[in-house]
Each structure stands twice: as C-alpha cells, then as structure tokens.
C-alpha cells in the first residue's frame, strides 16, 4: 500500500480527454494502494441498473454535483485514497475537488494521461464526435499545482 504523505489521505485528480486511458490509469494507481480507496467518476451517474452507459448531456450538471457530493462524503469518512476519474479539461472543473481536499486535509496531486491526437482518441472510442474531441483538446488548460486551480484567473 502506498504510504500517506505526512499522514494525510490522498486525493488524486485524473485529467485527460475521453479515451485517453484515465480509467485504466486510475485502476492501476488504486492497485498501488491495495485497492483500499474509491475511484469516483461522474460517468458513474449515467450507468443504469444493467450496467449500460447512457450519457445525457442535459444531465451533466446534475451528474457533476452528484459526484462532488460522493467525493465530499468519502472525504468526511477519511477514505484513502480517493481518485477523481473525470476529464477535468478546465481548471475550474477541478476546483470543487481541490477545495474540498484542502478543507478535509488531503494531500492532492494531479495525474494526466498521454496527449493523444484526436485521430488516435477517435480510433480508441469512435462513439465520441471528432469535433467534440477537437473542442476539448483546444480547451484543455494546464494545471501543475493546486494553486493553478485555486487562483485561476482565466475566467472560463
């Protein structure tokens, strides 16, 4: 099991475009912790009782709020580690998790997937529109530290 940094639980925030391998990386990372924590993804909101994924863009805001609520509950319970498995394209997408992590005393780090081309991503997951992938890639904002997220002045 990976040690706690300064005896604090870990919050790991995944970043990457769809089909870039975030979930696989999250699972491998969790294995390093002895599969002791939680992987929380907004995508889980769209999985029905039969295990089928049914994404609905109109419910995305509600899905993000639901995942943030789960993350906060896990932090209150001191779960170690918590991995947030979302695209987190913009810094503001990570901010609620970073703020909660700080409020609950978590050590926070970001993990990014490789920078695949849109063609490679579309080949890996043909179900997503190429134009959406181009838009997401264009909007991807760098964030190396929690301060990049907390003090984001991009306004987007």
N, C-alpha and C. Protein backbone atom coordinates (compact mmCIF):
# COMPACT_ATOMS: atom_id res chain seq x y z
N UNK A 1 0.84 -1.17 0.00
CA UNK A 1 0.00 0.00 0.00
C UNK A 1 0.89 1.24 0.00
N UNK A 2 0.53 2.23 -0.82
CA UNK A 2 1.30 3.47 -0.88
C UNK A 2 1.17 4.22 0.44
N UNK A 3 2.26 4.77 0.93
CA UNK A 3 2.19 5.48 2.21
C UNK A 3 1.44 6.80 2.09
N UNK A 4 0.89 7.23 3.20
CA UNK A 4 0.25 8.54 3.25
C UNK A 4 1.32 9.60 3.36
N UNK A 5 1.22 10.62 2.59
CA UNK A 5 2.16 11.72 2.67
C UNK A 5 1.85 12.53 3.91
N UNK A 6 2.84 12.61 4.79
CA UNK A 6 2.69 13.34 6.05
C UNK A 6 1.44 12.93 6.80
N UNK A 7 1.14 11.63 6.73
CA UNK A 7 -0.03 11.07 7.44
C UNK A 7 -1.35 11.66 6.99
N UNK A 8 -1.40 12.15 5.77
CA UNK A 8 -2.66 12.68 5.24
C UNK A 8 -3.18 11.71 4.17
N UNK A 9 -4.48 11.57 4.07
CA UNK A 9 -5.03 10.76 2.97
C UNK A 9 -4.80 11.47 1.63
N UNK A 10 -4.84 10.70 0.56
CA UNK A 10 -4.56 11.23 -0.77
C UNK A 10 -5.83 11.44 -1.58
N UNK A 11 -5.83 12.55 -2.31
CA UNK A 11 -6.84 12.85 -3.33
C UNK A 11 -6.09 12.97 -4.65
N UNK A 12 -6.41 12.11 -5.59
CA UNK A 12 -5.75 12.11 -6.88
C UNK A 12 -6.79 12.51 -7.92
N UNK A 13 -6.48 13.55 -8.67
CA UNK A 13 -7.41 14.06 -9.67
C UNK A 13 -6.85 13.72 -11.04
N UNK A 14 -7.58 12.86 -11.76
CA UNK A 14 -7.19 12.45 -13.10
C UNK A 14 -7.54 13.55 -14.08
N UNK A 15 -6.73 13.64 -15.14
CA UNK A 15 -7.00 14.61 -16.21
C UNK A 15 -6.69 13.95 -17.54
N UNK A 16 -7.55 14.20 -18.51
CA UNK A 16 -7.30 13.68 -19.85
C UNK A 16 -8.57 13.64 -20.66
N UNK A 17 -8.38 13.64 -21.96
CA UNK A 17 -9.52 13.59 -22.86
C UNK A 17 -10.18 12.21 -22.83
N UNK A 18 -11.43 12.12 -23.30
CA UNK A 18 -12.08 10.81 -23.38
C UNK A 18 -11.23 9.85 -24.20
N UNK A 19 -11.17 8.61 -23.77
CA UNK A 19 -10.45 7.52 -24.45
C UNK A 19 -8.94 7.62 -24.31
N UNK A 20 -8.47 8.49 -23.42
CA UNK A 20 -7.01 8.64 -23.26
C UNK A 20 -6.43 7.69 -22.22
N UNK A 21 -7.28 6.92 -21.55
CA UNK A 21 -6.79 5.93 -20.60
C UNK A 21 -6.89 6.34 -19.14
N UNK A 22 -7.73 7.32 -18.82
CA UNK A 22 -7.87 7.78 -17.44
C UNK A 22 -8.32 6.66 -16.50
N UNK A 23 -9.33 5.95 -16.90
CA UNK A 23 -9.88 4.91 -16.03
C UNK A 23 -8.87 3.79 -15.81
N UNK A 24 -8.18 3.38 -16.86
CA UNK A 24 -7.14 2.35 -16.70
C UNK A 24 -6.04 2.84 -15.76
N UNK A 25 -5.62 4.09 -15.93
CA UNK A 25 -4.58 4.65 -15.07
C UNK A 25 -5.09 4.76 -13.62
N UNK A 26 -6.36 5.14 -13.45
CA UNK A 26 -6.94 5.23 -12.11
C UNK A 26 -6.94 3.85 -11.45
N UNK A 27 -7.31 2.83 -12.19
CA UNK A 27 -7.34 1.46 -11.63
C UNK A 27 -5.94 0.98 -11.25
N UNK A 28 -4.98 1.23 -12.12
CA UNK A 28 -3.59 0.83 -11.82
C UNK A 28 -3.06 1.58 -10.61
N UNK A 29 -3.41 2.86 -10.52
CA UNK A 29 -2.99 3.65 -9.36
C UNK A 29 -3.61 3.10 -8.10
N UNK A 30 -4.90 2.76 -8.16
CA UNK A 30 -5.59 2.21 -6.99
C UNK A 30 -4.96 0.89 -6.56
N UNK A 31 -4.51 0.08 -7.50
CA UNK A 31 -3.83 -1.17 -7.15
C UNK A 31 -2.62 -0.89 -6.28
N UNK A 32 -1.92 0.20 -6.56
CA UNK A 32 -0.76 0.58 -5.76
C UNK A 32 -1.11 0.92 -4.32
N UNK A 33 -2.36 1.19 -4.08
CA UNK A 33 -2.86 1.47 -2.73
C UNK A 33 -3.58 0.24 -2.14
N UNK A 34 -3.40 -0.89 -2.77
CA UNK A 34 -4.05 -2.10 -2.27
C UNK A 34 -5.55 -2.11 -2.48
N UNK A 35 -6.02 -1.36 -3.47
CA UNK A 35 -7.46 -1.27 -3.77
C UNK A 35 -8.29 -0.89 -2.55
N UNK A 36 -7.72 -0.02 -1.71
CA UNK A 36 -8.36 0.32 -0.44
C UNK A 36 -9.30 1.51 -0.51
N UNK A 37 -9.21 2.34 -1.54
CA UNK A 37 -9.99 3.57 -1.57
C UNK A 37 -11.13 3.53 -2.57
N UNK A 38 -11.47 4.71 -3.07
CA UNK A 38 -12.58 4.85 -4.02
C UNK A 38 -12.09 5.53 -5.29
N UNK A 39 -12.61 5.06 -6.42
CA UNK A 39 -12.49 5.77 -7.69
C UNK A 39 -13.88 6.34 -7.97
N UNK A 40 -13.96 7.66 -8.08
CA UNK A 40 -15.24 8.33 -8.28
C UNK A 40 -15.25 9.02 -9.63
N UNK A 41 -16.22 8.68 -10.45
CA UNK A 41 -16.34 9.25 -11.79
C UNK A 41 -17.75 9.78 -12.01
N UNK A 42 -17.83 10.94 -12.62
CA UNK A 42 -19.13 11.48 -12.98
C UNK A 42 -19.84 10.55 -13.96
N UNK A 43 -19.08 9.82 -14.76
CA UNK A 43 -19.68 8.86 -15.70
C UNK A 43 -20.53 7.81 -14.99
N UNK A 44 -20.21 7.51 -13.74
CA UNK A 44 -20.99 6.50 -13.00
C UNK A 44 -22.47 6.88 -12.91
N UNK A 45 -22.75 8.17 -12.93
CA UNK A 45 -24.12 8.66 -12.86
C UNK A 45 -24.96 8.13 -14.03
N UNK A 46 -24.31 7.91 -15.16
CA UNK A 46 -25.01 7.54 -16.39
C UNK A 46 -25.07 6.03 -16.61
N UNK A 47 -24.65 5.25 -15.63
CA UNK A 47 -24.70 3.79 -15.76
C UNK A 47 -26.00 3.30 -15.12
N UNK A 48 -26.79 2.60 -15.91
CA UNK A 48 -28.09 2.15 -15.41
C UNK A 48 -27.95 0.86 -14.59
N UNK A 49 -29.07 0.34 -14.12
CA UNK A 49 -29.08 -0.85 -13.27
C UNK A 49 -28.55 -2.09 -13.98
N UNK A 50 -28.48 -2.05 -15.29
CA UNK A 50 -27.99 -3.19 -16.07
C UNK A 50 -26.53 -3.02 -16.49
N UNK A 51 -25.91 -1.95 -16.00
CA UNK A 51 -24.50 -1.73 -16.31
C UNK A 51 -24.25 -1.05 -17.64
N UNK A 52 -25.30 -0.53 -18.27
CA UNK A 52 -25.16 0.14 -19.56
C UNK A 52 -24.96 1.64 -19.36
N UNK A 53 -24.08 2.20 -20.16
CA UNK A 53 -23.76 3.63 -20.09
C UNK A 53 -24.68 4.38 -21.03
N UNK A 54 -25.42 5.35 -20.48
CA UNK A 54 -26.38 6.15 -21.25
C UNK A 54 -26.15 7.62 -20.95
N UNK A 55 -25.18 8.22 -21.62
CA UNK A 55 -24.83 9.62 -21.38
C UNK A 55 -25.94 10.54 -21.87
N UNK A 56 -26.24 11.55 -21.06
CA UNK A 56 -27.23 12.57 -21.43
C UNK A 56 -26.63 13.92 -21.06
N UNK A 57 -26.23 14.67 -22.08
CA UNK A 57 -25.59 15.97 -21.86
C UNK A 57 -26.43 16.88 -20.98
N UNK A 58 -27.74 16.79 -21.11
CA UNK A 58 -28.64 17.66 -20.34
C UNK A 58 -28.59 17.38 -18.84
N UNK A 59 -28.05 16.23 -18.45
CA UNK A 59 -27.95 15.89 -17.03
C UNK A 59 -26.52 16.05 -16.49
N UNK A 60 -25.63 16.60 -17.29
CA UNK A 60 -24.22 16.67 -16.91
C UNK A 60 -24.00 17.50 -15.64
N UNK A 61 -24.67 18.63 -15.51
CA UNK A 61 -24.53 19.44 -14.31
C UNK A 61 -24.95 18.68 -13.06
N UNK A 62 -26.09 18.00 -13.15
CA UNK A 62 -26.58 17.20 -12.04
C UNK A 62 -25.61 16.05 -11.72
N UNK A 63 -25.04 15.47 -12.76
CA UNK A 63 -24.09 14.36 -12.58
C UNK A 63 -22.82 14.84 -11.88
N UNK A 64 -22.32 16.01 -12.24
CA UNK A 64 -21.13 16.55 -11.58
C UNK A 64 -21.42 16.86 -10.11
N UNK A 65 -22.57 17.43 -9.83
CA UNK A 65 -22.94 17.72 -8.44
C UNK A 65 -23.04 16.43 -7.63
N UNK A 66 -23.60 15.39 -8.23
CA UNK A 66 -23.72 14.08 -7.58
C UNK A 66 -22.34 13.52 -7.25
N UNK A 67 -21.41 13.62 -8.20
CA UNK A 67 -20.07 13.08 -7.96
C UNK A 67 -19.33 13.90 -6.89
N UNK A 68 -19.51 15.21 -6.91
CA UNK A 68 -18.89 16.05 -5.88
C UNK A 68 -19.45 15.71 -4.49
N UNK A 69 -20.73 15.43 -4.41
CA UNK A 69 -21.32 15.02 -3.13
C UNK A 69 -20.72 13.71 -2.65
N UNK A 70 -20.53 12.76 -3.57
CA UNK A 70 -19.91 11.48 -3.18
C UNK A 70 -18.49 11.70 -2.70
N UNK A 71 -17.76 12.58 -3.40
CA UNK A 71 -16.38 12.86 -3.00
C UNK A 71 -16.33 13.47 -1.61
N UNK A 72 -17.23 14.41 -1.34
CA UNK A 72 -17.22 15.04 -0.02
C UNK A 72 -17.56 14.03 1.07
N UNK A 73 -18.51 13.16 0.81
CA UNK A 73 -18.86 12.13 1.79
C UNK A 73 -17.66 11.22 2.06
N UNK A 74 -16.96 10.84 1.00
CA UNK A 74 -15.77 9.99 1.17
C UNK A 74 -14.68 10.73 1.96
N UNK A 75 -14.53 12.02 1.71
CA UNK A 75 -13.53 12.79 2.45
C UNK A 75 -13.91 12.91 3.92
N UNK A 76 -15.18 13.11 4.18
CA UNK A 76 -15.63 13.16 5.59
C UNK A 76 -15.30 11.85 6.30
N UNK A 77 -15.39 10.75 5.55
CA UNK A 77 -15.10 9.42 6.10
C UNK A 77 -13.61 9.09 6.08
N UNK A 78 -12.77 10.04 5.59
CA UNK A 78 -11.31 9.88 5.54
C UNK A 78 -10.87 8.71 4.66
N UNK A 79 -11.59 8.46 3.59
CA UNK A 79 -11.22 7.40 2.65
C UNK A 79 -9.85 7.73 2.06
N UNK A 80 -9.01 6.71 1.93
CA UNK A 80 -7.65 6.86 1.39
C UNK A 80 -7.35 5.73 0.45
N UNK A 81 -7.04 6.02 -0.79
CA UNK A 81 -7.12 7.30 -1.47
C UNK A 81 -8.49 7.49 -2.11
N UNK A 82 -8.71 8.70 -2.59
CA UNK A 82 -9.87 9.00 -3.44
C UNK A 82 -9.29 9.42 -4.78
N UNK A 83 -9.76 8.79 -5.84
CA UNK A 83 -9.33 9.14 -7.19
C UNK A 83 -10.54 9.68 -7.93
N UNK A 84 -10.42 10.90 -8.44
CA UNK A 84 -11.48 11.53 -9.23
C UNK A 84 -11.16 11.25 -10.69
N UNK A 85 -11.99 10.44 -11.32
CA UNK A 85 -11.75 9.97 -12.69
C UNK A 85 -12.67 10.71 -13.66
N UNK A 86 -12.37 11.99 -13.88
CA UNK A 86 -13.12 12.83 -14.82
C UNK A 86 -12.14 13.42 -15.83
N UNK A 87 -12.66 14.04 -16.89
CA UNK A 87 -11.77 14.65 -17.88
C UNK A 87 -11.03 15.85 -17.29
N UNK A 88 -11.72 16.68 -16.50
CA UNK A 88 -11.11 17.86 -15.87
C UNK A 88 -10.33 18.70 -16.88
N UNK A 89 -10.98 19.03 -17.97
CA UNK A 89 -10.37 19.80 -19.06
C UNK A 89 -9.94 21.18 -18.59
N UNK A 90 -10.81 21.82 -17.87
CA UNK A 90 -10.53 23.19 -17.40
C UNK A 90 -10.20 23.17 -15.91
N UNK A 91 -9.42 24.13 -15.51
CA UNK A 91 -9.03 24.21 -14.09
C UNK A 91 -10.25 24.34 -13.19
N UNK A 92 -11.26 25.07 -13.64
CA UNK A 92 -12.45 25.26 -12.82
C UNK A 92 -13.20 23.96 -12.58
N UNK A 93 -13.01 22.96 -13.45
CA UNK A 93 -13.65 21.66 -13.24
C UNK A 93 -13.05 20.95 -12.03
N UNK A 94 -11.79 21.23 -11.74
CA UNK A 94 -11.10 20.58 -10.62
C UNK A 94 -11.29 21.32 -9.31
N UNK A 95 -11.64 22.59 -9.40
CA UNK A 95 -11.64 23.45 -8.22
C UNK A 95 -12.50 22.93 -7.06
N UNK A 96 -13.72 22.44 -7.30
CA UNK A 96 -14.50 21.94 -6.15
C UNK A 96 -13.79 20.80 -5.42
N UNK A 97 -13.15 19.92 -6.17
CA UNK A 97 -12.45 18.79 -5.56
C UNK A 97 -11.21 19.27 -4.80
N UNK A 98 -10.47 20.19 -5.41
CA UNK A 98 -9.27 20.72 -4.74
C UNK A 98 -9.66 21.43 -3.45
N UNK A 99 -10.70 22.26 -3.51
CA UNK A 99 -11.12 22.99 -2.31
C UNK A 99 -11.57 22.03 -1.21
N UNK A 100 -12.36 21.02 -1.59
CA UNK A 100 -12.80 20.03 -0.59
C UNK A 100 -11.61 19.29 -0.01
N UNK A 101 -10.68 18.90 -0.89
CA UNK A 101 -9.50 18.18 -0.42
C UNK A 101 -8.72 18.98 0.60
N UNK A 102 -8.56 20.27 0.35
CA UNK A 102 -7.87 21.13 1.31
C UNK A 102 -8.67 21.24 2.61
N UNK A 103 -9.97 21.43 2.47
CA UNK A 103 -10.83 21.57 3.65
C UNK A 103 -10.76 20.33 4.56
N UNK A 104 -10.60 19.15 3.95
CA UNK A 104 -10.56 17.91 4.71
C UNK A 104 -9.15 17.39 4.95
N UNK A 105 -8.13 18.18 4.61
CA UNK A 105 -6.76 17.82 4.93
C UNK A 105 -6.12 16.77 4.05
N UNK A 106 -6.54 16.67 2.81
CA UNK A 106 -5.98 15.69 1.89
C UNK A 106 -4.71 16.21 1.22
N UNK A 107 -3.79 15.29 0.92
CA UNK A 107 -2.67 15.58 0.04
C UNK A 107 -3.21 15.41 -1.37
N UNK A 108 -3.05 16.43 -2.20
CA UNK A 108 -3.68 16.45 -3.53
C UNK A 108 -2.62 16.40 -4.61
N UNK A 109 -2.86 15.55 -5.59
CA UNK A 109 -1.98 15.53 -6.76
C UNK A 109 -2.82 15.27 -8.01
N UNK A 110 -2.26 15.69 -9.14
CA UNK A 110 -2.92 15.50 -10.43
C UNK A 110 -2.17 14.43 -11.21
N UNK A 111 -2.91 13.66 -11.98
CA UNK A 111 -2.31 12.68 -12.89
C UNK A 111 -2.92 12.91 -14.27
N UNK A 112 -2.07 13.04 -15.28
CA UNK A 112 -2.53 13.27 -16.65
C UNK A 112 -2.20 12.07 -17.52
N UNK A 113 -3.08 11.84 -18.47
CA UNK A 113 -2.86 10.77 -19.43
C UNK A 113 -2.04 11.31 -20.60
N UNK A 114 -1.54 10.42 -21.45
CA UNK A 114 -0.77 10.88 -22.61
C UNK A 114 -1.59 11.81 -23.52
N UNK A 115 -0.89 12.64 -24.24
CA UNK A 115 -1.51 13.61 -25.15
C UNK A 115 -1.69 12.97 -26.52
N UNK A 116 -2.73 12.16 -26.66
CA UNK A 116 -3.02 11.51 -27.93
C UNK A 116 -3.59 12.51 -28.93
N UNK A 117 -3.41 12.22 -30.20
CA UNK A 117 -4.05 13.04 -31.24
C UNK A 117 -5.55 12.74 -31.25
N UNK A 118 -6.30 13.65 -31.83
CA UNK A 118 -7.74 13.45 -31.94
C UNK A 118 -8.04 12.19 -32.74
N UNK A 119 -7.28 11.94 -33.79
CA UNK A 119 -7.50 10.73 -34.59
C UNK A 119 -7.28 9.46 -33.76
N UNK A 120 -6.23 9.47 -32.92
CA UNK A 120 -5.97 8.31 -32.06
C UNK A 120 -7.10 8.12 -31.04
N UNK A 121 -7.57 9.21 -30.46
CA UNK A 121 -8.65 9.12 -29.48
C UNK A 121 -9.94 8.62 -30.13
N UNK A 122 -10.21 9.13 -31.31
CA UNK A 122 -11.43 8.71 -32.02
C UNK A 122 -11.35 7.24 -32.41
N UNK A 123 -10.17 6.79 -32.75
CA UNK A 123 -9.98 5.37 -33.09
C UNK A 123 -10.21 4.50 -31.86
N UNK A 124 -9.76 4.98 -30.71
CA UNK A 124 -9.93 4.23 -29.46
C UNK A 124 -11.38 4.23 -29.01
N UNK A 125 -12.11 5.32 -29.31
CA UNK A 125 -13.50 5.45 -28.88
C UNK A 125 -14.29 6.16 -29.97
N UNK A 126 -14.73 5.39 -30.98
CA UNK A 126 -15.43 6.00 -32.12
C UNK A 126 -16.78 6.61 -31.76
N UNK A 127 -17.30 6.32 -30.57
CA UNK A 127 -18.61 6.81 -30.16
C UNK A 127 -18.64 8.31 -29.86
N UNK A 128 -17.49 8.94 -29.77
CA UNK A 128 -17.48 10.37 -29.49
C UNK A 128 -17.15 11.14 -30.76
N UNK A 129 -17.86 12.21 -30.97
CA UNK A 129 -17.71 13.02 -32.17
C UNK A 129 -16.32 13.65 -32.23
N UNK A 130 -15.69 13.61 -33.39
CA UNK A 130 -14.36 14.20 -33.54
C UNK A 130 -14.35 15.68 -33.23
N UNK A 131 -15.40 16.38 -33.60
CA UNK A 131 -15.45 17.82 -33.33
C UNK A 131 -15.46 18.10 -31.83
N UNK A 132 -16.13 17.23 -31.07
CA UNK A 132 -16.12 17.38 -29.61
C UNK A 132 -14.71 17.16 -29.07
N UNK A 133 -14.01 16.18 -29.62
CA UNK A 133 -12.64 15.94 -29.19
C UNK A 133 -11.73 17.12 -29.52
N UNK A 134 -11.89 17.68 -30.72
CA UNK A 134 -11.10 18.86 -31.09
C UNK A 134 -11.38 20.02 -30.13
N UNK A 135 -12.65 20.22 -29.80
CA UNK A 135 -13.02 21.30 -28.89
C UNK A 135 -12.39 21.08 -27.52
N UNK A 136 -12.49 19.87 -27.01
CA UNK A 136 -11.92 19.58 -25.69
C UNK A 136 -10.40 19.74 -25.69
N UNK A 137 -9.77 19.30 -26.74
CA UNK A 137 -8.31 19.42 -26.82
C UNK A 137 -7.90 20.89 -26.87
N UNK A 138 -8.64 21.68 -27.61
CA UNK A 138 -8.37 23.12 -27.71
C UNK A 138 -8.58 23.82 -26.36
N UNK A 139 -9.55 23.37 -25.58
CA UNK A 139 -9.90 24.00 -24.31
C UNK A 139 -9.11 23.47 -23.11
N UNK A 140 -8.26 22.48 -23.33
CA UNK A 140 -7.51 21.86 -22.23
C UNK A 140 -6.56 22.88 -21.61
N UNK A 141 -6.71 23.10 -20.32
CA UNK A 141 -5.90 24.09 -19.61
C UNK A 141 -4.85 23.40 -18.74
N UNK A 142 -3.60 23.85 -18.81
CA UNK A 142 -2.57 23.25 -17.97
C UNK A 142 -2.82 23.57 -16.50
N UNK A 143 -2.46 22.63 -15.65
CA UNK A 143 -2.56 22.83 -14.20
C UNK A 143 -1.53 21.90 -13.57
N UNK A 144 -0.47 22.48 -13.06
CA UNK A 144 0.58 21.67 -12.44
C UNK A 144 0.43 21.58 -10.94
N UNK A 145 -0.13 22.61 -10.33
CA UNK A 145 -0.26 22.62 -8.87
C UNK A 145 -1.67 23.02 -8.48
N UNK A 146 -1.99 22.81 -7.22
CA UNK A 146 -3.32 23.20 -6.74
C UNK A 146 -3.50 24.71 -6.83
N UNK A 147 -2.41 25.46 -6.80
CA UNK A 147 -2.51 26.92 -6.88
C UNK A 147 -2.94 27.37 -8.27
N UNK A 148 -2.55 26.61 -9.30
CA UNK A 148 -3.04 26.91 -10.65
C UNK A 148 -4.55 26.82 -10.70
N UNK A 149 -5.11 25.91 -9.93
CA UNK A 149 -6.55 25.68 -9.90
C UNK A 149 -7.23 26.71 -9.00
N UNK A 150 -6.71 26.89 -7.80
CA UNK A 150 -7.35 27.78 -6.83
C UNK A 150 -7.35 29.23 -7.26
N UNK A 151 -6.28 29.64 -7.93
CA UNK A 151 -6.14 31.05 -8.29
C UNK A 151 -6.24 31.27 -9.80
N UNK A 152 -7.05 30.43 -10.43
CA UNK A 152 -7.29 30.53 -11.86
C UNK A 152 -8.00 31.84 -12.17
N UNK A 153 -7.38 32.64 -13.01
CA UNK A 153 -7.99 33.93 -13.36
C UNK A 153 -8.39 33.97 -14.82
N UNK A 154 -8.46 32.78 -15.44
CA UNK A 154 -8.81 32.72 -16.86
C UNK A 154 -10.25 33.18 -17.10
N UNK A 155 -11.10 32.98 -16.08
CA UNK A 155 -12.48 33.41 -16.21
C UNK A 155 -13.32 32.49 -17.05
N UNK A 156 -12.79 31.33 -17.43
CA UNK A 156 -13.55 30.40 -18.25
C UNK A 156 -14.01 29.22 -17.46
